[in-house]
Amino acid sequence: MESEEKVGRAQWAEIQLAAAEKQGDLVIVLLGGRGAQALHRLLGKISQTHEADELLNRCHIFTQDALAPMRMDNSFSFVRDFERLLGEAFFKK
């Protein structure tokens, strides 16, 4: 795609499509990369509104660190990046 922002928007569209096709909870694994970081920023902005509350409240979200056997305070962890990009409002939902 032409830009990281377009990658992030395409990923958000895929999440919306998956949510529309499925009832109940939706499990998502967020990986890294610059396109994914654009998605994380977008999700952070969306979570500051109420436009996608129903969808976000259905999500069980895991970060790539959840897949690795390391402690949260490990210096190789991306937890702080996810927290920074997604924002506090996202994690409250």
PDB file of N, CA and C in Angstrom:
ATOM      1  N   MET A   1       0.839  -1.177   0.000  1.00  0.00           N
ATOM      2  CA  MET A   1       0.000   0.000   0.000  1.00  0.00           C
ATOM      3  C   MET A   1       0.882   1.237   0.000  1.00  0.00           C
ATOM      4  N   GLU A   2       0.281   2.343  -0.330  1.00  0.00           N
ATOM      5  CA  GLU A   2       1.035   3.570  -0.537  1.00  0.00           C
ATOM      6  C   GLU A   2       1.585   4.198   0.737  1.00  0.00           C
ATOM      7  N   SER A   3       0.968   3.939   1.871  1.00  0.00           N
ATOM      8  CA  SER A   3       1.431   4.553   3.116  1.00  0.00           C
ATOM      9  C   SER A   3       1.115   3.655   4.299  1.00  0.00           C
ATOM     10  N   GLU A   4       1.803   3.918   5.386  1.00  0.00           N
ATOM     11  CA  GLU A   4       1.551   3.166   6.618  1.00  0.00           C
ATOM     12  C   GLU A   4       0.143   3.433   7.123  1.00  0.00           C
ATOM     13  N   GLU A   5      -0.314   4.674   6.971  1.00  0.00           N
ATOM     14  CA  GLU A   5      -1.672   5.011   7.408  1.00  0.00           C
ATOM     15  C   GLU A   5      -2.706   4.174   6.660  1.00  0.00           C
ATOM     16  N   LYS A   6      -2.495   3.974   5.360  1.00  0.00           N
ATOM     17  CA  LYS A   6      -3.432   3.154   4.584  1.00  0.00           C
ATOM     18  C   LYS A   6      -3.399   1.694   5.029  1.00  0.00           C
ATOM     19  N   VAL A   7      -2.230   1.227   5.427  1.00  0.00           N
ATOM     20  CA  VAL A   7      -2.131  -0.140   5.965  1.00  0.00           C
ATOM     21  C   VAL A   7      -2.942  -0.237   7.250  1.00  0.00           C
ATOM     22  N   GLY A   8      -2.769   0.737   8.133  1.00  0.00           N
ATOM     23  CA  GLY A   8      -3.519   0.744   9.390  1.00  0.00           C
ATOM     24  C   GLY A   8      -5.018   0.799   9.167  1.00  0.00           C
ATOM     25  N   ARG A   9      -5.462   1.621   8.217  1.00  0.00           N
ATOM     26  CA  ARG A   9      -6.896   1.721   7.918  1.00  0.00           C
ATOM     27  C   ARG A   9      -7.430   0.422   7.302  1.00  0.00           C
ATOM     28  N   ALA A  10      -6.620  -0.226   6.475  1.00  0.00           N
ATOM     29  CA  ALA A  10      -7.022  -1.512   5.889  1.00  0.00           C
ATOM     30  C   ALA A  10      -7.141  -2.578   6.985  1.00  0.00           C
ATOM     31  N   GLN A  11      -6.226  -2.558   7.937  1.00  0.00           N
ATOM     32  CA  GLN A  11      -6.298  -3.516   9.044  1.00  0.00           C
ATOM     33  C   GLN A  11      -7.542  -3.267   9.894  1.00  0.00           C
ATOM     34  N   TRP A  12      -7.871  -1.997  10.136  1.00  0.00           N
ATOM     35  CA  TRP A  12      -9.075  -1.662  10.888  1.00  0.00           C
ATOM     36  C   TRP A  12     -10.312  -2.143  10.131  1.00  0.00           C
ATOM     37  N   ALA A  13     -10.319  -1.999   8.822  1.00  0.00           N
ATOM     38  CA  ALA A  13     -11.449  -2.479   8.012  1.00  0.00           C
ATOM     39  C   ALA A  13     -11.583  -3.994   8.137  1.00  0.00           C
ATOM     40  N   GLU A  14     -10.464  -4.701   8.187  1.00  0.00           N
ATOM     41  CA  GLU A  14     -10.508  -6.165   8.359  1.00  0.00           C
ATOM     42  C   GLU A  14     -11.084  -6.538   9.720  1.00  0.00           C
ATOM     43  N   ILE A  15     -10.722  -5.787  10.756  1.00  0.00           N
ATOM     44  CA  ILE A  15     -11.267  -6.052  12.090  1.00  0.00           C
ATOM     45  C   ILE A  15     -12.770  -5.814  12.093  1.00  0.00           C
ATOM     46  N   GLN A  16     -13.204  -4.730  11.467  1.00  0.00           N
ATOM     47  CA  GLN A  16     -14.637  -4.434  11.396  1.00  0.00           C
ATOM     48  C   GLN A  16     -15.396  -5.524  10.632  1.00  0.00           C
ATOM     49  N   LEU A  17     -14.822  -5.991   9.546  1.00  0.00           N
ATOM     50  CA  LEU A  17     -15.442  -7.063   8.762  1.00  0.00           C
ATOM     51  C   LEU A  17     -15.544  -8.343   9.584  1.00  0.00           C
ATOM     52  N   ALA A  18     -14.467  -8.701  10.263  1.00  0.00           N
ATOM     53  CA  ALA A  18     -14.478  -9.907  11.101  1.00  0.00           C
ATOM     54  C   ALA A  18     -15.535  -9.791  12.192  1.00  0.00           C
ATOM     55  N   ALA A  19     -15.653  -8.612  12.788  1.00  0.00           N
ATOM     56  CA  ALA A  19     -16.651  -8.401  13.848  1.00  0.00           C
ATOM     57  C   ALA A  19     -18.074  -8.503  13.298  1.00  0.00           C
ATOM     58  N   ALA A  20     -18.283  -8.012  12.085  1.00  0.00           N
ATOM     59  CA  ALA A  20     -19.612  -8.062  11.475  1.00  0.00           C
ATOM     60  C   ALA A  20     -20.014  -9.490  11.117  1.00  0.00           C
ATOM     61  N   GLU A  21     -19.026 -10.326  10.813  1.00  0.00           N
ATOM     62  CA  GLU A  21     -19.304 -11.702  10.398  1.00  0.00           C
ATOM     63  C   GLU A  21     -19.402 -12.669  11.571  1.00  0.00           C
ATOM     64  N   LYS A  22     -19.098 -12.202  12.774  1.00  0.00           N
ATOM     65  CA  LYS A  22     -19.041 -13.089  13.928  1.00  0.00           C
ATOM     66  C   LYS A  22     -19.845 -12.504  15.071  1.00  0.00           C
ATOM     67  N   GLN A  23     -20.561 -13.344  15.765  1.00  0.00           N
ATOM     68  CA  GLN A  23     -21.248 -12.912  16.973  1.00  0.00           C
ATOM     69  C   GLN A  23     -20.365 -13.215  18.179  1.00  0.00           C
ATOM     70  N   GLY A  24     -20.539 -12.467  19.216  1.00  0.00           N
ATOM     71  CA  GLY A  24     -19.784 -12.711  20.438  1.00  0.00           C
ATOM     72  C   GLY A  24     -18.400 -12.085  20.390  1.00  0.00           C
ATOM     73  N   ASP A  25     -17.518 -12.662  21.188  1.00  0.00           N
ATOM     74  CA  ASP A  25     -16.172 -12.112  21.342  1.00  0.00           C
ATOM     75  C   ASP A  25     -15.333 -12.279  20.081  1.00  0.00           C
ATOM     76  N   LEU A  26     -14.382 -11.379  19.943  1.00  0.00           N
ATOM     77  CA  LEU A  26     -13.463 -11.388  18.815  1.00  0.00           C
ATOM     78  C   LEU A  26     -12.050 -11.361  19.388  1.00  0.00           C
ATOM     79  N   VAL A  27     -11.232 -12.337  19.013  1.00  0.00           N
ATOM     80  CA  VAL A  27      -9.854 -12.413  19.494  1.00  0.00           C
ATOM     81  C   VAL A  27      -8.924 -11.852  18.429  1.00  0.00           C
ATOM     82  N   ILE A  28      -8.064 -10.919  18.841  1.00  0.00           N
ATOM     83  CA  ILE A  28      -7.141 -10.259  17.926  1.00  0.00           C
ATOM     84  C   ILE A  28      -5.744 -10.308  18.527  1.00  0.00           C
ATOM     85  N   VAL A  29      -4.764 -10.612  17.688  1.00  0.00           N
ATOM     86  CA  VAL A  29      -3.366 -10.532  18.086  1.00  0.00           C
ATOM     87  C   VAL A  29      -2.755  -9.366  17.327  1.00  0.00           C
ATOM     88  N   LEU A  30      -2.267  -8.356  18.051  1.00  0.00           N
ATOM     89  CA  LEU A  30      -1.644  -7.189  17.438  1.00  0.00           C
ATOM     90  C   LEU A  30      -0.146  -7.415  17.338  1.00  0.00           C
ATOM     91  N   LEU A  31       0.343  -7.373  16.135  1.00  0.00           N
ATOM     92  CA  LEU A  31       1.770  -7.521  15.908  1.00  0.00           C
ATOM     93  C   LEU A  31       2.381  -6.152  15.669  1.00  0.00           C
ATOM     94  N   GLY A  32       3.674  -6.118  15.515  1.00  0.00           N
ATOM     95  CA  GLY A  32       4.373  -4.850  15.351  1.00  0.00           C
ATOM     96  C   GLY A  32       4.551  -4.475  13.893  1.00  0.00           C
ATOM     97  N   GLY A  33       5.494  -3.604  13.649  1.00  0.00           N
ATOM     98  CA  GLY A  33       5.747  -3.102  12.310  1.00  0.00           C
ATOM     99  C   GLY A  33       5.131  -1.728  12.141  1.00  0.00           C
ATOM    100  N   ARG A  34       5.615  -0.988  11.163  1.00  0.00           N
ATOM    101  CA  ARG A  34       5.150   0.393  11.010  1.00  0.00           C
ATOM    102  C   ARG A  34       3.700   0.479  10.554  1.00  0.00           C
ATOM    103  N   GLY A  35       3.258  -0.429   9.704  1.00  0.00           N
ATOM    104  CA  GLY A  35       1.850  -0.438   9.314  1.00  0.00           C
ATOM    105  C   GLY A  35       0.955  -0.748  10.496  1.00  0.00           C
ATOM    106  N   ALA A  36       1.372  -1.699  11.298  1.00  0.00           N
ATOM    107  CA  ALA A  36       0.603  -2.042  12.497  1.00  0.00           C
ATOM    108  C   ALA A  36       0.616  -0.895  13.495  1.00  0.00           C
ATOM    109  N   GLN A  37       1.712  -0.168  13.579  1.00  0.00           N
ATOM    110  CA  GLN A  37       1.751   0.986  14.482  1.00  0.00           C
ATOM    111  C   GLN A  37       0.740   2.037  14.046  1.00  0.00           C
ATOM    112  N   ALA A  38       0.507   2.167  12.748  1.00  0.00           N
ATOM    113  CA  ALA A  38      -0.525   3.074  12.256  1.00  0.00           C
ATOM    114  C   ALA A  38      -1.901   2.596  12.730  1.00  0.00           C
ATOM    115  N   LEU A  39      -2.127   1.285  12.717  1.00  0.00           N
ATOM    116  CA  LEU A  39      -3.371   0.729  13.249  1.00  0.00           C
ATOM    117  C   LEU A  39      -3.485   1.047  14.730  1.00  0.00           C
ATOM    118  N   HIS A  40      -2.412   0.877  15.470  1.00  0.00           N
ATOM    119  CA  HIS A  40      -2.445   1.128  16.912  1.00  0.00           C
ATOM    120  C   HIS A  40      -2.808   2.590  17.191  1.00  0.00           C
ATOM    121  N   ARG A  41      -2.203   3.506  16.442  1.00  0.00           N
ATOM    122  CA  ARG A  41      -2.525   4.926  16.617  1.00  0.00           C
ATOM    123  C   ARG A  41      -3.999   5.187  16.283  1.00  0.00           C
ATOM    124  N   LEU A  42      -4.481   4.570  15.203  1.00  0.00           N
ATOM    125  CA  LEU A  42      -5.879   4.726  14.803  1.00  0.00           C
ATOM    126  C   LEU A  42      -6.808   4.186  15.889  1.00  0.00           C
ATOM    127  N   LEU A  43      -6.507   3.013  16.412  1.00  0.00           N
ATOM    128  CA  LEU A  43      -7.319   2.445  17.491  1.00  0.00           C
ATOM    129  C   LEU A  43      -7.295   3.344  18.720  1.00  0.00           C
ATOM    130  N   GLY A  44      -6.149   3.943  18.998  1.00  0.00           N
ATOM    131  CA  GLY A  44      -6.052   4.874  20.120  1.00  0.00           C
ATOM    132  C   GLY A  44      -6.979   6.064  19.936  1.00  0.00           C
ATOM    133  N   LYS A  45      -7.030   6.608  18.718  1.00  0.00           N
ATOM    134  CA  LYS A  45      -7.919   7.745  18.440  1.00  0.00           C
ATOM    135  C   LYS A  45      -9.388   7.320  18.504  1.00  0.00           C
ATOM    136  N   ILE A  46      -9.696   6.178  17.910  1.00  0.00           N
ATOM    137  CA  ILE A  46     -11.073   5.684  17.902  1.00  0.00           C
ATOM    138  C   ILE A  46     -11.557   5.425  19.323  1.00  0.00           C
ATOM    139  N   SER A  47     -10.685   4.926  20.170  1.00  0.00           N
ATOM    140  CA  SER A  47     -11.084   4.591  21.535  1.00  0.00           C
ATOM    141  C   SER A  47     -11.360   5.831  22.386  1.00  0.00           C
ATOM    142  N   GLN A  48     -10.946   6.996  21.918  1.00  0.00           N
ATOM    143  CA  GLN A  48     -11.246   8.233  22.641  1.00  0.00           C
ATOM    144  C   GLN A  48     -12.651   8.732  22.337  1.00  0.00           C
ATOM    145  N   THR A  49     -13.326   8.059  21.411  1.00  0.00           N
ATOM    146  CA  THR A  49     -14.711   8.380  21.065  1.00  0.00           C
ATOM    147  C   THR A  49     -15.573   7.186  21.470  1.00  0.00           C
ATOM    148  N   HIS A  50     -16.841   7.261  21.132  1.00  0.00           N
ATOM    149  CA  HIS A  50     -17.740   6.134  21.408  1.00  0.00           C
ATOM    150  C   HIS A  50     -18.159   5.418  20.122  1.00  0.00           C
ATOM    151  N   GLU A  51     -17.543   5.792  18.977  1.00  0.00           N
ATOM    152  CA  GLU A  51     -17.989   5.266  17.685  1.00  0.00           C
ATOM    153  C   GLU A  51     -17.830   3.763  17.535  1.00  0.00           C
ATOM    154  N   ALA A  52     -16.867   3.166  18.222  1.00  0.00           N
ATOM    155  CA  ALA A  52     -16.639   1.725  18.054  1.00  0.00           C
ATOM    156  C   ALA A  52     -16.655   0.991  19.393  1.00  0.00           C
ATOM    157  N   ASP A  53     -17.313   1.559  20.386  1.00  0.00           N
ATOM    158  CA  ASP A  53     -17.329   0.932  21.717  1.00  0.00           C
ATOM    159  C   ASP A  53     -17.856  -0.498  21.677  1.00  0.00           C
ATOM    160  N   GLU A  54     -18.936  -0.708  20.951  1.00  0.00           N
ATOM    161  CA  GLU A  54     -19.533  -2.055  20.909  1.00  0.00           C
ATOM    162  C   GLU A  54     -18.520  -3.059  20.365  1.00  0.00           C
ATOM    163  N   LEU A  55     -17.822  -2.698  19.321  1.00  0.00           N
ATOM    164  CA  LEU A  55     -16.824  -3.591  18.733  1.00  0.00           C
ATOM    165  C   LEU A  55     -15.636  -3.761  19.681  1.00  0.00           C
ATOM    166  N   LEU A  56     -15.097  -2.674  20.182  1.00  0.00           N
ATOM    167  CA  LEU A  56     -13.921  -2.765  21.052  1.00  0.00           C
ATOM    168  C   LEU A  56     -14.214  -3.537  22.334  1.00  0.00           C
ATOM    169  N   ASN A  57     -15.426  -3.405  22.844  1.00  0.00           N
ATOM    170  CA  ASN A  57     -15.783  -4.139  24.062  1.00  0.00           C
ATOM    171  C   ASN A  57     -15.918  -5.637  23.823  1.00  0.00           C
ATOM    172  N   ARG A  58     -16.054  -6.048  22.592  1.00  0.00           N
ATOM    173  CA  ARG A  58     -16.129  -7.483  22.253  1.00  0.00           C
ATOM    174  C   ARG A  58     -14.747  -8.104  22.078  1.00  0.00           C
ATOM    175  N   CYS A  59     -13.729  -7.278  21.992  1.00  0.00           N
ATOM    176  CA  CYS A  59     -12.391  -7.757  21.643  1.00  0.00           C
ATOM    177  C   CYS A  59     -11.608  -8.281  22.842  1.00  0.00           C
ATOM    178  N   HIS A  60     -10.928  -9.359  22.603  1.00  0.00           N
ATOM    179  CA  HIS A  60      -9.888  -9.864  23.503  1.00  0.00           C
ATOM    180  C   HIS A  60      -8.602  -9.686  22.706  1.00  0.00           C
ATOM    181  N   ILE A  61      -7.780  -8.758  23.151  1.00  0.00           N
ATOM    182  CA  ILE A  61      -6.620  -8.376  22.359  1.00  0.00           C
ATOM    183  C   ILE A  61      -5.338  -8.802  23.045  1.00  0.00           C
ATOM    184  N   PHE A  62      -4.489  -9.439  22.269  1.00  0.00           N
ATOM    185  CA  PHE A  62      -3.180  -9.866  22.734  1.00  0.00           C
ATOM    186  C   PHE A  62      -2.129  -9.152  21.899  1.00  0.00           C
ATOM    187  N   THR A  63      -1.057  -8.761  22.527  1.00  0.00           N
ATOM    188  CA  THR A  63       0.055  -8.167  21.785  1.00  0.00           C
ATOM    189  C   THR A  63       1.056  -9.267  21.472  1.00  0.00           C
ATOM    190  N   GLN A  64       1.990  -8.953  20.595  1.00  0.00           N
ATOM    191  CA  GLN A  64       2.990  -9.954  20.227  1.00  0.00           C
ATOM    192  C   GLN A  64       3.761 -10.431  21.440  1.00  0.00           C
ATOM    193  N   ASP A  65       3.898  -9.597  22.462  1.00  0.00           N
ATOM    194  CA  ASP A  65       4.604 -10.012  23.668  1.00  0.00           C
ATOM    195  C   ASP A  65       3.862 -11.105  24.413  1.00  0.00           C
ATOM    196  N   ALA A  66       2.540 -11.158  24.248  1.00  0.00           N
ATOM    197  CA  ALA A  66       1.770 -12.211  24.896  1.00  0.00           C
ATOM    198  C   ALA A  66       2.143 -13.580  24.340  1.00  0.00           C
ATOM    199  N   LEU A  67       2.723 -13.590  23.145  1.00  0.00           N
ATOM    200  CA  LEU A  67       3.108 -14.842  22.502  1.00  0.00           C
ATOM    201  C   LEU A  67       4.520 -15.281  22.874  1.00  0.00           C
ATOM    202  N   ALA A  68       5.250 -14.394  23.546  1.00  0.00           N
ATOM    203  CA  ALA A  68       6.652 -14.685  23.882  1.00  0.00           C
ATOM    204  C   ALA A  68       6.776 -14.968  25.375  1.00  0.00           C
ATOM    205  N   PRO A  69       7.586 -15.940  25.727  1.00  0.00           N
ATOM    206  CA  PRO A  69       7.765 -16.273  27.149  1.00  0.00           C
ATOM    207  C   PRO A  69       8.736 -15.304  27.828  1.00  0.00           C
ATOM    208  N   MET A  70       8.303 -14.060  28.009  1.00  0.00           N
ATOM    209  CA  MET A  70       9.169 -13.089  28.692  1.00  0.00           C
ATOM    210  C   MET A  70       8.336 -12.285  29.682  1.00  0.00           C
ATOM    211  N   ARG A  71       9.003 -11.781  30.675  1.00  0.00           N
ATOM    212  CA  ARG A  71       8.338 -10.992  31.695  1.00  0.00           C
ATOM    213  C   ARG A  71       7.992  -9.617  31.135  1.00  0.00           C
ATOM    214  N   MET A  72       6.973  -8.977  31.714  1.00  0.00           N
ATOM    215  CA  MET A  72       6.526  -7.669  31.246  1.00  0.00           C
ATOM    216  C   MET A  72       7.611  -6.602  31.360  1.00  0.00           C
ATOM    217  N   ASP A  73       8.507  -6.747  32.324  1.00  0.00           N
ATOM    218  CA  ASP A  73       9.545  -5.733  32.515  1.00  0.00           C
ATOM    219  C   ASP A  73      10.822  -6.040  31.736  1.00  0.00           C
ATOM    220  N   ASN A  74      10.788  -7.055  30.878  1.00  0.00           N
ATOM    221  CA  ASN A  74      11.938  -7.387  30.048  1.00  0.00           C
ATOM    222  C   ASN A  74      12.220  -6.231  29.087  1.00  0.00           C
ATOM    223  N   SER A  75      13.479  -5.870  28.928  1.00  0.00           N
ATOM    224  CA  SER A  75      13.831  -4.734  28.075  1.00  0.00           C
ATOM    225  C   SER A  75      13.521  -4.983  26.597  1.00  0.00           C
ATOM    226  N   PHE A  76      13.287  -6.216  26.210  1.00  0.00           N
ATOM    227  CA  PHE A  76      12.918  -6.519  24.830  1.00  0.00           C
ATOM    228  C   PHE A  76      11.404  -6.478  24.605  1.00  0.00           C
ATOM    229  N   SER A  77      10.646  -6.217  25.654  1.00  0.00           N
ATOM    230  CA  SER A  77       9.195  -6.163  25.568  1.00  0.00           C
ATOM    231  C   SER A  77       8.744  -4.901  24.846  1.00  0.00           C
ATOM    232  N   PHE A  78       7.643  -5.016  24.106  1.00  0.00           N
ATOM    233  CA  PHE A  78       7.067  -3.876  23.402  1.00  0.00           C
ATOM    234  C   PHE A  78       5.847  -3.323  24.135  1.00  0.00           C
ATOM    235  N   VAL A  79       5.644  -3.761  25.373  1.00  0.00           N
ATOM    236  CA  VAL A  79       4.451  -3.369  26.121  1.00  0.00           C
ATOM    237  C   VAL A  79       4.313  -1.856  26.190  1.00  0.00           C
ATOM    238  N   ARG A  80       5.364  -1.146  26.503  1.00  0.00           N
ATOM    239  CA  ARG A  80       5.283   0.318  26.639  1.00  0.00           C
ATOM    240  C   ARG A  80       4.935   0.978  25.301  1.00  0.00           C
ATOM    241  N   ASP A  81       5.433   0.439  24.192  1.00  0.00           N
ATOM    242  CA  ASP A  81       5.061   0.979  22.881  1.00  0.00           C
ATOM    243  C   ASP A  81       3.570   0.796  22.626  1.00  0.00           C
ATOM    244  N   PHE A  82       3.041  -0.386  22.946  1.00  0.00           N
ATOM    245  CA  PHE A  82       1.616  -0.621  22.772  1.00  0.00           C
ATOM    246  C   PHE A  82       0.811   0.334  23.653  1.00  0.00           C
ATOM    247  N   GLU A  83       1.236   0.511  24.893  1.00  0.00           N
ATOM    248  CA  GLU A  83       0.533   1.416  25.793  1.00  0.00           C
ATOM    249  C   GLU A  83       0.553   2.844  25.259  1.00  0.00           C
ATOM    250  N   ARG A  84       1.697   3.276  24.762  1.00  0.00           N
ATOM    251  CA  ARG A  84       1.844   4.643  24.246  1.00  0.00           C
ATOM    252  C   ARG A  84       0.992   4.847  22.997  1.00  0.00           C
ATOM    253  N   LEU A  85       1.036   3.919  22.060  1.00  0.00           N
ATOM    254  CA  LEU A  85       0.334   4.074  20.790  1.00  0.00           C
ATOM    255  C   LEU A  85      -1.182   3.903  20.928  1.00  0.00           C
ATOM    256  N   LEU A  86      -1.600   2.957  21.748  1.00  0.00           N
ATOM    257  CA  LEU A  86      -3.030   2.682  21.885  1.00  0.00           C
ATOM    258  C   LEU A  86      -3.705   3.624  22.872  1.00  0.00           C
ATOM    259  N   GLY A  87      -3.007   4.014  23.912  1.00  0.00           N
ATOM    260  CA  GLY A  87      -3.542   4.970  24.877  1.00  0.00           C
ATOM    261  C   GLY A  87      -4.404   4.362  25.955  1.00  0.00           C
ATOM    262  N   GLU A  88      -4.557   5.123  27.012  1.00  0.00           N
ATOM    263  CA  GLU A  88      -5.274   4.658  28.201  1.00  0.00           C
ATOM    264  C   GLU A  88      -6.743   4.349  27.913  1.00  0.00           C
ATOM    265  N   ALA A  89      -7.400   5.173  27.101  1.00  0.00           N
ATOM    266  CA  ALA A  89      -8.828   4.953  26.803  1.00  0.00           C
ATOM    267  C   ALA A  89      -9.049   3.601  26.141  1.00  0.00           C
ATOM    268  N   PHE A  90      -8.128   3.202  25.272  1.00  0.00           N
ATOM    269  CA  PHE A  90      -8.236   1.914  24.589  1.00  0.00           C
ATOM    270  C   PHE A  90      -8.234   0.774  25.601  1.00  0.00           C
ATOM    271  N   PHE A  91      -7.311   0.808  26.533  1.00  0.00           N
ATOM    272  CA  PHE A  91      -7.188  -0.282  27.497  1.00  0.00           C
ATOM    273  C   PHE A  91      -8.348  -0.307  28.490  1.00  0.00           C
ATOM    274  N   LYS A  92      -8.994   0.818  28.710  1.00  0.00           N
ATOM    275  CA  LYS A  92     -10.177   0.835  29.577  1.00  0.00           C
ATOM    276  C   LYS A  92     -11.355   0.135  28.913  1.00  0.00           C
ATOM    277  N   LYS A  93     -11.384   0.161  27.577  1.00  0.00           N
ATOM    278  CA  LYS A  93     -12.491  -0.474  26.849  1.00  0.00           C
ATOM    279  C   LYS A  93     -12.218  -1.943  26.666  1.00  0.00           C
TER     280      LYS A  93
END
